[in-house]
Amino acid sequence: MKTVEITEASLAEYGRKTAKETWVLTRRGKPVAAVVPIRRGLDFETFSLSHNPEFIDLINRSWAGYKAAGGISLEELKRKYGLKRTSPPRRRRALR
């Protein structure tokens, strides 16, 4: 991770140089922002959600509820909401 004073370079320069590592931008020696590279194959929505404090809080609350009360199986969920049961997967014939 590199630390750079904001006055040292333009935003375009940060974008070119941060392809492989995170840069912490500072103002008068104090961190004010970070420029984080987005890995190839990672879409922006996934990146955005994984850095969203409200979404992370929602996931944490969901996990806490699951740990406290347990969960239900997919079949129970379908029964509860009147959804069709899925048929069991077909067995594949062995190749000879």
PDB file of N, CA and C in Angstrom:
ATOM      1  N   MET A   1       0.837  -1.158   0.000  1.00  0.00           N
ATOM      2  CA  MET A   1       0.000   0.000   0.000  1.00  0.00           C
ATOM      3  C   MET A   1       0.892   1.233   0.000  1.00  0.00           C
ATOM      4  N   LYS A   2       0.554   2.167  -0.882  1.00  0.00           N
ATOM      5  CA  LYS A   2       1.318   3.419  -0.964  1.00  0.00           C
ATOM      6  C   LYS A   2       0.517   4.545  -0.337  1.00  0.00           C
ATOM      7  N   THR A   3       1.220   5.499   0.209  1.00  0.00           N
ATOM      8  CA  THR A   3       0.596   6.709   0.750  1.00  0.00           C
ATOM      9  C   THR A   3       1.085   7.891  -0.070  1.00  0.00           C
ATOM     10  N   VAL A   4       0.136   8.711  -0.546  1.00  0.00           N
ATOM     11  CA  VAL A   4       0.474   9.830  -1.421  1.00  0.00           C
ATOM     12  C   VAL A   4      -0.261  11.073  -0.955  1.00  0.00           C
ATOM     13  N   GLU A   5       0.438  12.184  -0.907  1.00  0.00           N
ATOM     14  CA  GLU A   5      -0.194  13.467  -0.582  1.00  0.00           C
ATOM     15  C   GLU A   5      -1.024  13.887  -1.790  1.00  0.00           C
ATOM     16  N   ILE A   6      -2.237  14.328  -1.572  1.00  0.00           N
ATOM     17  CA  ILE A   6      -3.159  14.667  -2.661  1.00  0.00           C
ATOM     18  C   ILE A   6      -2.561  15.676  -3.629  1.00  0.00           C
ATOM     19  N   THR A   7      -1.799  16.616  -3.175  1.00  0.00           N
ATOM     20  CA  THR A   7      -1.255  17.655  -4.050  1.00  0.00           C
ATOM     21  C   THR A   7      -0.177  17.137  -4.996  1.00  0.00           C
ATOM     22  N   GLU A   8       0.274  15.903  -4.809  1.00  0.00           N
ATOM     23  CA  GLU A   8       1.381  15.382  -5.616  1.00  0.00           C
ATOM     24  C   GLU A   8       0.989  14.892  -6.996  1.00  0.00           C
ATOM     25  N   ALA A   9      -0.272  14.527  -7.222  1.00  0.00           N
ATOM     26  CA  ALA A   9      -0.639  13.956  -8.513  1.00  0.00           C
ATOM     27  C   ALA A   9      -2.119  14.178  -8.788  1.00  0.00           C
ATOM     28  N   SER A  10      -2.515  13.983 -10.044  1.00  0.00           N
ATOM     29  CA  SER A  10      -3.919  14.141 -10.429  1.00  0.00           C
ATOM     30  C   SER A  10      -4.654  12.816 -10.245  1.00  0.00           C
ATOM     31  N   LEU A  11      -5.985  12.884 -10.227  1.00  0.00           N
ATOM     32  CA  LEU A  11      -6.793  11.671 -10.084  1.00  0.00           C
ATOM     33  C   LEU A  11      -6.542  10.705 -11.238  1.00  0.00           C
ATOM     34  N   ALA A  12      -6.350  11.226 -12.435  1.00  0.00           N
ATOM     35  CA  ALA A  12      -6.063  10.364 -13.587  1.00  0.00           C
ATOM     36  C   ALA A  12      -4.775   9.580 -13.362  1.00  0.00           C
ATOM     37  N   GLU A  13      -3.799  10.229 -12.771  1.00  0.00           N
ATOM     38  CA  GLU A  13      -2.530   9.546 -12.495  1.00  0.00           C
ATOM     39  C   GLU A  13      -2.721   8.432 -11.474  1.00  0.00           C
ATOM     40  N   TYR A  14      -3.532   8.698 -10.438  1.00  0.00           N
ATOM     41  CA  TYR A  14      -3.808   7.652  -9.442  1.00  0.00           C
ATOM     42  C   TYR A  14      -4.445   6.444 -10.111  1.00  0.00           C
ATOM     43  N   GLY A  15      -5.399   6.715 -11.012  1.00  0.00           N
ATOM     44  CA  GLY A  15      -6.084   5.626 -11.709  1.00  0.00           C
ATOM     45  C   GLY A  15      -5.136   4.762 -12.510  1.00  0.00           C
ATOM     46  N   ARG A  16      -4.169   5.369 -13.161  1.00  0.00           N
ATOM     47  CA  ARG A  16      -3.201   4.601 -13.952  1.00  0.00           C
ATOM     48  C   ARG A  16      -2.257   3.799 -13.066  1.00  0.00           C
ATOM     49  N   LYS A  17      -1.869   4.365 -11.951  1.00  0.00           N
ATOM     50  CA  LYS A  17      -0.850   3.735 -11.113  1.00  0.00           C
ATOM     51  C   LYS A  17      -1.388   2.721 -10.109  1.00  0.00           C
ATOM     52  N   THR A  18      -2.693   2.678  -9.901  1.00  0.00           N
ATOM     53  CA  THR A  18      -3.229   1.812  -8.849  1.00  0.00           C
ATOM     54  C   THR A  18      -3.763   0.488  -9.358  1.00  0.00           C
ATOM     55  N   ALA A  19      -3.353   0.086 -10.522  1.00  0.00           N
ATOM     56  CA  ALA A  19      -3.876  -1.157 -11.085  1.00  0.00           C
ATOM     57  C   ALA A  19      -3.579  -2.377 -10.218  1.00  0.00           C
ATOM     58  N   LYS A  20      -2.528  -2.322  -9.405  1.00  0.00           N
ATOM     59  CA  LYS A  20      -2.157  -3.502  -8.635  1.00  0.00           C
ATOM     60  C   LYS A  20      -2.141  -3.310  -7.131  1.00  0.00           C
ATOM     61  N   GLU A  21      -2.169  -2.080  -6.663  1.00  0.00           N
ATOM     62  CA  GLU A  21      -2.114  -1.890  -5.218  1.00  0.00           C
ATOM     63  C   GLU A  21      -2.977  -0.709  -4.787  1.00  0.00           C
ATOM     64  N   THR A  22      -3.336  -0.722  -3.517  1.00  0.00           N
ATOM     65  CA  THR A  22      -4.145   0.341  -2.943  1.00  0.00           C
ATOM     66  C   THR A  22      -3.272   1.553  -2.616  1.00  0.00           C
ATOM     67  N   TRP A  23      -3.799   2.733  -2.902  1.00  0.00           N
ATOM     68  CA  TRP A  23      -3.111   3.974  -2.552  1.00  0.00           C
ATOM     69  C   TRP A  23      -3.951   4.699  -1.516  1.00  0.00           C
ATOM     70  N   VAL A  24      -3.338   5.170  -0.472  1.00  0.00           N
ATOM     71  CA  VAL A  24      -4.010   5.993   0.531  1.00  0.00           C
ATOM     72  C   VAL A  24      -3.651   7.439   0.231  1.00  0.00           C
ATOM     73  N   LEU A  25      -4.676   8.245   0.024  1.00  0.00           N
ATOM     74  CA  LEU A  25      -4.459   9.657  -0.278  1.00  0.00           C
ATOM     75  C   LEU A  25      -4.532  10.442   1.026  1.00  0.00           C
ATOM     76  N   THR A  26      -3.597  11.348   1.202  1.00  0.00           N
ATOM     77  CA  THR A  26      -3.541  12.124   2.437  1.00  0.00           C
ATOM     78  C   THR A  26      -3.622  13.613   2.139  1.00  0.00           C
ATOM     79  N   ARG A  27      -4.063  14.349   3.136  1.00  0.00           N
ATOM     80  CA  ARG A  27      -4.056  15.812   3.078  1.00  0.00           C
ATOM     81  C   ARG A  27      -3.386  16.265   4.364  1.00  0.00           C
ATOM     82  N   ARG A  28      -2.268  16.950   4.216  1.00  0.00           N
ATOM     83  CA  ARG A  28      -1.458  17.381   5.361  1.00  0.00           C
ATOM     84  C   ARG A  28      -1.095  16.200   6.260  1.00  0.00           C
ATOM     85  N   GLY A  29      -0.775  15.075   5.637  1.00  0.00           N
ATOM     86  CA  GLY A  29      -0.310  13.906   6.374  1.00  0.00           C
ATOM     87  C   GLY A  29      -1.396  13.029   6.971  1.00  0.00           C
ATOM     88  N   LYS A  30      -2.678  13.410   6.810  1.00  0.00           N
ATOM     89  CA  LYS A  30      -3.775  12.615   7.380  1.00  0.00           C
ATOM     90  C   LYS A  30      -4.537  11.914   6.257  1.00  0.00           C
ATOM     91  N   PRO A  31      -4.830  10.615   6.418  1.00  0.00           N
ATOM     92  CA  PRO A  31      -5.557   9.887   5.369  1.00  0.00           C
ATOM     93  C   PRO A  31      -6.959  10.454   5.158  1.00  0.00           C
ATOM     94  N   VAL A  32      -7.326  10.653   3.884  1.00  0.00           N
ATOM     95  CA  VAL A  32      -8.651  11.175   3.557  1.00  0.00           C
ATOM     96  C   VAL A  32      -9.406  10.283   2.583  1.00  0.00           C
ATOM     97  N   ALA A  33      -8.702   9.422   1.859  1.00  0.00           N
ATOM     98  CA  ALA A  33      -9.363   8.541   0.883  1.00  0.00           C
ATOM     99  C   ALA A  33      -8.417   7.413   0.508  1.00  0.00           C
ATOM    100  N   ALA A  34      -8.994   6.406  -0.124  1.00  0.00           N
ATOM    101  CA  ALA A  34      -8.180   5.313  -0.650  1.00  0.00           C
ATOM    102  C   ALA A  34      -8.603   5.035  -2.085  1.00  0.00           C
ATOM    103  N   VAL A  35      -7.645   4.760  -2.928  1.00  0.00           N
ATOM    104  CA  VAL A  35      -7.911   4.355  -4.301  1.00  0.00           C
ATOM    105  C   VAL A  35      -7.601   2.869  -4.353  1.00  0.00           C
ATOM    106  N   VAL A  36      -8.655   2.079  -4.579  1.00  0.00           N
ATOM    107  CA  VAL A  36      -8.544   0.623  -4.498  1.00  0.00           C
ATOM    108  C   VAL A  36      -8.755   0.026  -5.880  1.00  0.00           C
ATOM    109  N   PRO A  37      -7.847  -0.833  -6.335  1.00  0.00           N
ATOM    110  CA  PRO A  37      -8.037  -1.450  -7.644  1.00  0.00           C
ATOM    111  C   PRO A  37      -9.171  -2.465  -7.605  1.00  0.00           C
ATOM    112  N   ILE A  38      -9.914  -2.569  -8.684  1.00  0.00           N
ATOM    113  CA  ILE A  38     -10.965  -3.571  -8.801  1.00  0.00           C
ATOM    114  C   ILE A  38     -10.388  -4.726  -9.608  1.00  0.00           C
ATOM    115  N   ARG A  39     -10.384  -5.910  -8.986  1.00  0.00           N
ATOM    116  CA  ARG A  39      -9.803  -7.092  -9.638  1.00  0.00           C
ATOM    117  C   ARG A  39     -10.512  -7.395 -10.951  1.00  0.00           C
ATOM    118  N   ARG A  40      -9.773  -7.921 -11.887  1.00  0.00           N
ATOM    119  CA  ARG A  40     -10.358  -8.349 -13.148  1.00  0.00           C
ATOM    120  C   ARG A  40     -11.380  -9.443 -12.851  1.00  0.00           C
ATOM    121  N   GLY A  41     -12.539  -9.353 -13.459  1.00  0.00           N
ATOM    122  CA  GLY A  41     -13.585 -10.340 -13.262  1.00  0.00           C
ATOM    123  C   GLY A  41     -14.552  -9.984 -12.137  1.00  0.00           C
ATOM    124  N   LEU A  42     -14.242  -8.960 -11.362  1.00  0.00           N
ATOM    125  CA  LEU A  42     -15.126  -8.531 -10.282  1.00  0.00           C
ATOM    126  C   LEU A  42     -15.972  -7.377 -10.798  1.00  0.00           C
ATOM    127  N   ASP A  43     -17.295  -7.568 -10.794  1.00  0.00           N
ATOM    128  CA  ASP A  43     -18.131  -6.488 -11.317  1.00  0.00           C
ATOM    129  C   ASP A  43     -18.290  -5.387 -10.285  1.00  0.00           C
ATOM    130  N   PHE A  44     -18.663  -4.217 -10.744  1.00  0.00           N
ATOM    131  CA  PHE A  44     -18.742  -3.056  -9.878  1.00  0.00           C
ATOM    132  C   PHE A  44     -19.801  -3.231  -8.795  1.00  0.00           C
ATOM    133  N   GLU A  45     -20.925  -3.885  -9.105  1.00  0.00           N
ATOM    134  CA  GLU A  45     -21.983  -4.071  -8.115  1.00  0.00           C
ATOM    135  C   GLU A  45     -21.475  -4.893  -6.926  1.00  0.00           C
ATOM    136  N   THR A  46     -20.744  -5.966  -7.200  1.00  0.00           N
ATOM    137  CA  THR A  46     -20.179  -6.793  -6.127  1.00  0.00           C
ATOM    138  C   THR A  46     -19.206  -5.975  -5.293  1.00  0.00           C
ATOM    139  N   PHE A  47     -18.337  -5.222  -5.942  1.00  0.00           N
ATOM    140  CA  PHE A  47     -17.377  -4.387  -5.237  1.00  0.00           C
ATOM    141  C   PHE A  47     -18.101  -3.359  -4.374  1.00  0.00           C
ATOM    142  N   SER A  48     -19.109  -2.710  -4.957  1.00  0.00           N
ATOM    143  CA  SER A  48     -19.847  -1.674  -4.252  1.00  0.00           C
ATOM    144  C   SER A  48     -20.554  -2.227  -3.018  1.00  0.00           C
ATOM    145  N   LEU A  49     -21.231  -3.361  -3.156  1.00  0.00           N
ATOM    146  CA  LEU A  49     -21.928  -3.955  -2.011  1.00  0.00           C
ATOM    147  C   LEU A  49     -20.961  -4.408  -0.925  1.00  0.00           C
ATOM    148  N   SER A  50     -19.831  -4.945  -1.321  1.00  0.00           N
ATOM    149  CA  SER A  50     -18.888  -5.455  -0.324  1.00  0.00           C
ATOM    150  C   SER A  50     -18.223  -4.336   0.473  1.00  0.00           C
ATOM    151  N   HIS A  51     -18.372  -3.098   0.031  1.00  0.00           N
ATOM    152  CA  HIS A  51     -17.811  -1.947   0.749  1.00  0.00           C
ATOM    153  C   HIS A  51     -18.893  -1.020   1.305  1.00  0.00           C
ATOM    154  N   ASN A  52     -20.155  -1.476   1.266  1.00  0.00           N
ATOM    155  CA  ASN A  52     -21.269  -0.662   1.729  1.00  0.00           C
ATOM    156  C   ASN A  52     -21.599  -1.019   3.182  1.00  0.00           C
ATOM    157  N   PRO A  53     -21.391  -0.093   4.132  1.00  0.00           N
ATOM    158  CA  PRO A  53     -21.620  -0.404   5.551  1.00  0.00           C
ATOM    159  C   PRO A  53     -23.049  -0.853   5.854  1.00  0.00           C
ATOM    160  N   GLU A  54     -24.052  -0.298   5.169  1.00  0.00           N
ATOM    161  CA  GLU A  54     -25.439  -0.701   5.410  1.00  0.00           C
ATOM    162  C   GLU A  54     -25.669  -2.144   4.970  1.00  0.00           C
ATOM    163  N   PHE A  55     -25.102  -2.535   3.825  1.00  0.00           N
ATOM    164  CA  PHE A  55     -25.254  -3.903   3.341  1.00  0.00           C
ATOM    165  C   PHE A  55     -24.523  -4.876   4.269  1.00  0.00           C
ATOM    166  N   ILE A  56     -23.330  -4.519   4.685  1.00  0.00           N
ATOM    167  CA  ILE A  56     -22.566  -5.369   5.599  1.00  0.00           C
ATOM    168  C   ILE A  56     -23.321  -5.542   6.910  1.00  0.00           C
ATOM    169  N   ASP A  57     -23.953  -4.471   7.416  1.00  0.00           N
ATOM    170  CA  ASP A  57     -24.757  -4.549   8.634  1.00  0.00           C
ATOM    171  C   ASP A  57     -25.950  -5.484   8.432  1.00  0.00           C
ATOM    172  N   LEU A  58     -26.602  -5.411   7.277  1.00  0.00           N
ATOM    173  CA  LEU A  58     -27.727  -6.293   6.965  1.00  0.00           C
ATOM    174  C   LEU A  58     -27.282  -7.755   6.987  1.00  0.00           C
ATOM    175  N   ILE A  59     -26.162  -8.054   6.371  1.00  0.00           N
ATOM    176  CA  ILE A  59     -25.639  -9.426   6.354  1.00  0.00           C
ATOM    177  C   ILE A  59     -25.318  -9.883   7.773  1.00  0.00           C
ATOM    178  N   ASN A  60     -24.671  -9.031   8.564  1.00  0.00           N
ATOM    179  CA  ASN A  60     -24.335  -9.394   9.946  1.00  0.00           C
ATOM    180  C   ASN A  60     -25.582  -9.653  10.786  1.00  0.00           C
ATOM    181  N   ARG A  61     -26.624  -8.816  10.613  1.00  0.00           N
ATOM    182  CA  ARG A  61     -27.881  -9.046  11.345  1.00  0.00           C
ATOM    183  C   ARG A  61     -28.533 -10.354  10.919  1.00  0.00           C
ATOM    184  N   SER A  62     -28.484 -10.646   9.632  1.00  0.00           N
ATOM    185  CA  SER A  62     -29.052 -11.898   9.127  1.00  0.00           C
ATOM    186  C   SER A  62     -28.329 -13.103   9.710  1.00  0.00           C
ATOM    187  N   TRP A  63     -27.002 -13.056   9.734  1.00  0.00           N
ATOM    188  CA  TRP A  63     -26.230 -14.156  10.319  1.00  0.00           C
ATOM    189  C   TRP A  63     -26.537 -14.317  11.807  1.00  0.00           C
ATOM    190  N   ALA A  64     -26.651 -13.200  12.514  1.00  0.00           N
ATOM    191  CA  ALA A  64     -26.951 -13.254  13.953  1.00  0.00           C
ATOM    192  C   ALA A  64     -28.321 -13.896  14.177  1.00  0.00           C
ATOM    193  N   GLY A  65     -29.304 -13.522  13.374  1.00  0.00           N
ATOM    194  CA  GLY A  65     -30.635 -14.121  13.477  1.00  0.00           C
ATOM    195  C   GLY A  65     -30.609 -15.607  13.178  1.00  0.00           C
ATOM    196  N   TYR A  66     -29.856 -15.988  12.176  1.00  0.00           N
ATOM    197  CA  TYR A  66     -29.741 -17.399  11.819  1.00  0.00           C
ATOM    198  C   TYR A  66     -29.095 -18.196  12.955  1.00  0.00           C
ATOM    199  N   LYS A  67     -28.030 -17.640  13.533  1.00  0.00           N
ATOM    200  CA  LYS A  67     -27.348 -18.328  14.637  1.00  0.00           C
ATOM    201  C   LYS A  67     -28.251 -18.448  15.863  1.00  0.00           C
ATOM    202  N   ALA A  68     -29.059 -17.407  16.130  1.00  0.00           N
ATOM    203  CA  ALA A  68     -29.919 -17.402  17.311  1.00  0.00           C
ATOM    204  C   ALA A  68     -31.142 -18.308  17.137  1.00  0.00           C
ATOM    205  N   ALA A  69     -31.785 -18.242  15.984  1.00  0.00           N
ATOM    206  CA  ALA A  69     -33.050 -18.948  15.793  1.00  0.00           C
ATOM    207  C   ALA A  69     -32.954 -20.144  14.860  1.00  0.00           C
ATOM    208  N   GLY A  70     -31.844 -20.280  14.172  1.00  0.00           N
ATOM    209  CA  GLY A  70     -31.726 -21.362  13.197  1.00  0.00           C
ATOM    210  C   GLY A  70     -32.368 -20.965  11.883  1.00  0.00           C
ATOM    211  N   GLY A  71     -32.378 -21.883  10.981  1.00  0.00           N
ATOM    212  CA  GLY A  71     -32.939 -21.608   9.667  1.00  0.00           C
ATOM    213  C   GLY A  71     -33.904 -22.705   9.275  1.00  0.00           C
ATOM    214  N   ILE A  72     -34.399 -22.628   8.052  1.00  0.00           N
ATOM    215  CA  ILE A  72     -35.283 -23.676   7.559  1.00  0.00           C
ATOM    216  C   ILE A  72     -34.724 -24.194   6.247  1.00  0.00           C
ATOM    217  N   SER A  73     -35.097 -25.423   5.932  1.00  0.00           N
ATOM    218  CA  SER A  73     -34.614 -26.021   4.688  1.00  0.00           C
ATOM    219  C   SER A  73     -35.363 -25.423   3.501  1.00  0.00           C
ATOM    220  N   LEU A  74     -34.849 -25.645   2.325  1.00  0.00           N
ATOM    221  CA  LEU A  74     -35.488 -25.164   1.107  1.00  0.00           C
ATOM    222  C   LEU A  74     -36.870 -25.791   0.962  1.00  0.00           C
ATOM    223  N   GLU A  75     -36.999 -27.075   1.279  1.00  0.00           N
ATOM    224  CA  GLU A  75     -38.296 -27.749   1.186  1.00  0.00           C
ATOM    225  C   GLU A  75     -39.311 -27.120   2.151  1.00  0.00           C
ATOM    226  N   GLU A  76     -38.879 -26.783   3.372  1.00  0.00           N
ATOM    227  CA  GLU A  76     -39.777 -26.130   4.331  1.00  0.00           C
ATOM    228  C   GLU A  76     -40.210 -24.765   3.807  1.00  0.00           C
ATOM    229  N   LEU A  77     -39.284 -24.020   3.227  1.00  0.00           N
ATOM    230  CA  LEU A  77     -39.587 -22.709   2.674  1.00  0.00           C
ATOM    231  C   LEU A  77     -40.632 -22.831   1.567  1.00  0.00           C
ATOM    232  N   LYS A  78     -40.474 -23.812   0.692  1.00  0.00           N
ATOM    233  CA  LYS A  78     -41.428 -24.010  -0.400  1.00  0.00           C
ATOM    234  C   LYS A  78     -42.801 -24.382   0.128  1.00  0.00           C
ATOM    235  N   ARG A  79     -42.846 -25.249   1.157  1.00  0.00           N
ATOM    236  CA  ARG A  79     -44.120 -25.621   1.766  1.00  0.00           C
ATOM    237  C   ARG A  79     -44.798 -24.398   2.392  1.00  0.00           C
ATOM    238  N   LYS A  80     -44.016 -23.604   3.115  1.00  0.00           N
ATOM    239  CA  LYS A  80     -44.548 -22.440   3.816  1.00  0.00           C
ATOM    240  C   LYS A  80     -45.186 -21.439   2.857  1.00  0.00           C
ATOM    241  N   TYR A  81     -44.579 -21.247   1.692  1.00  0.00           N
ATOM    242  CA  TYR A  81     -45.065 -20.257   0.739  1.00  0.00           C
ATOM    243  C   TYR A  81     -45.808 -20.865  -0.442  1.00  0.00           C
ATOM    244  N   GLY A  82     -46.112 -22.170  -0.367  1.00  0.00           N
ATOM    245  CA  GLY A  82     -46.907 -22.827  -1.409  1.00  0.00           C
ATOM    246  C   GLY A  82     -46.220 -22.914  -2.752  1.00  0.00           C
ATOM    247  N   LEU A  83     -44.909 -23.032  -2.750  1.00  0.00           N
ATOM    248  CA  LEU A  83     -44.166 -23.140  -4.007  1.00  0.00           C
ATOM    249  C   LEU A  83     -44.051 -24.590  -4.422  1.00  0.00           C
ATOM    250  N   LYS A  84     -43.916 -24.816  -5.717  1.00  0.00           N
ATOM    251  CA  LYS A  84     -43.793 -26.180  -6.224  1.00  0.00           C
ATOM    252  C   LYS A  84     -42.505 -26.816  -5.734  1.00  0.00           C
ATOM    253  N   ARG A  85     -42.604 -28.067  -5.417  1.00  0.00           N
ATOM    254  CA  ARG A  85     -41.395 -28.813  -5.075  1.00  0.00           C
ATOM    255  C   ARG A  85     -40.664 -29.129  -6.365  1.00  0.00           C
ATOM    256  N   THR A  86     -39.372 -29.126  -6.275  1.00  0.00           N
ATOM    257  CA  THR A  86     -38.589 -29.495  -7.452  1.00  0.00           C
ATOM    258  C   THR A  86     -38.404 -30.999  -7.448  1.00  0.00           C
ATOM    259  N   SER A  87     -38.381 -31.563  -8.621  1.00  0.00           N
ATOM    260  CA  SER A  87     -38.161 -33.006  -8.691  1.00  0.00           C
ATOM    261  C   SER A  87     -36.688 -33.287  -8.409  1.00  0.00           C
ATOM    262  N   PRO A  88     -36.419 -34.477  -7.882  1.00  0.00           N
ATOM    263  CA  PRO A  88     -35.016 -34.809  -7.609  1.00  0.00           C
ATOM    264  C   PRO A  88     -34.220 -34.836  -8.906  1.00  0.00           C
ATOM    265  N   PRO A  89     -32.940 -34.533  -8.832  1.00  0.00           N
ATOM    266  CA  PRO A  89     -32.138 -34.541 -10.060  1.00  0.00           C
ATOM    267  C   PRO A  89     -32.096 -35.932 -10.682  1.00  0.00           C
ATOM    268  N   ARG A  90     -32.108 -35.951 -12.005  1.00  0.00           N
ATOM    269  CA  ARG A  90     -32.040 -37.237 -12.711  1.00  0.00           C
ATOM    270  C   ARG A  90     -30.640 -37.815 -12.597  1.00  0.00           C
ATOM    271  N   ARG A  91     -30.598 -39.104 -12.482  1.00  0.00           N
ATOM    272  CA  ARG A  91     -29.287 -39.776 -12.455  1.00  0.00           C
ATOM    273  C   ARG A  91     -28.744 -39.866 -13.869  1.00  0.00           C
ATOM    274  N   ARG A  92     -27.484 -39.635 -13.966  1.00  0.00           N
ATOM    275  CA  ARG A  92     -26.833 -39.748 -15.277  1.00  0.00           C
ATOM    276  C   ARG A  92     -26.495 -41.202 -15.548  1.00  0.00           C
ATOM    277  N   ARG A  93     -26.664 -41.574 -16.786  1.00  0.00           N
ATOM    278  CA  ARG A  93     -26.270 -42.945 -17.161  1.00  0.00           C
ATOM    279  C   ARG A  93     -24.764 -43.001 -17.285  1.00  0.00           C
ATOM    280  N   ALA A  94     -24.237 -44.076 -16.805  1.00  0.00           N
ATOM    281  CA  ALA A  94     -22.782 -44.267 -16.881  1.00  0.00           C
ATOM    282  C   ALA A  94     -22.370 -44.476 -18.329  1.00  0.00           C
ATOM    283  N   LEU A  95     -21.267 -43.869 -18.710  1.00  0.00           N
ATOM    284  CA  LEU A  95     -20.723 -44.065 -20.046  1.00  0.00           C
ATOM    285  C   LEU A  95     -20.038 -45.418 -20.125  1.00  0.00           C
ATOM    286  N   ARG A  96     -20.207 -46.068 -21.214  1.00  0.00           N
ATOM    287  CA  ARG A  96     -19.558 -47.393 -21.376  1.00  0.00           C
ATOM    288  C   ARG A  96     -18.339 -47.286 -22.222  1.00  0.00           C
TER     289      ARG A  96
END
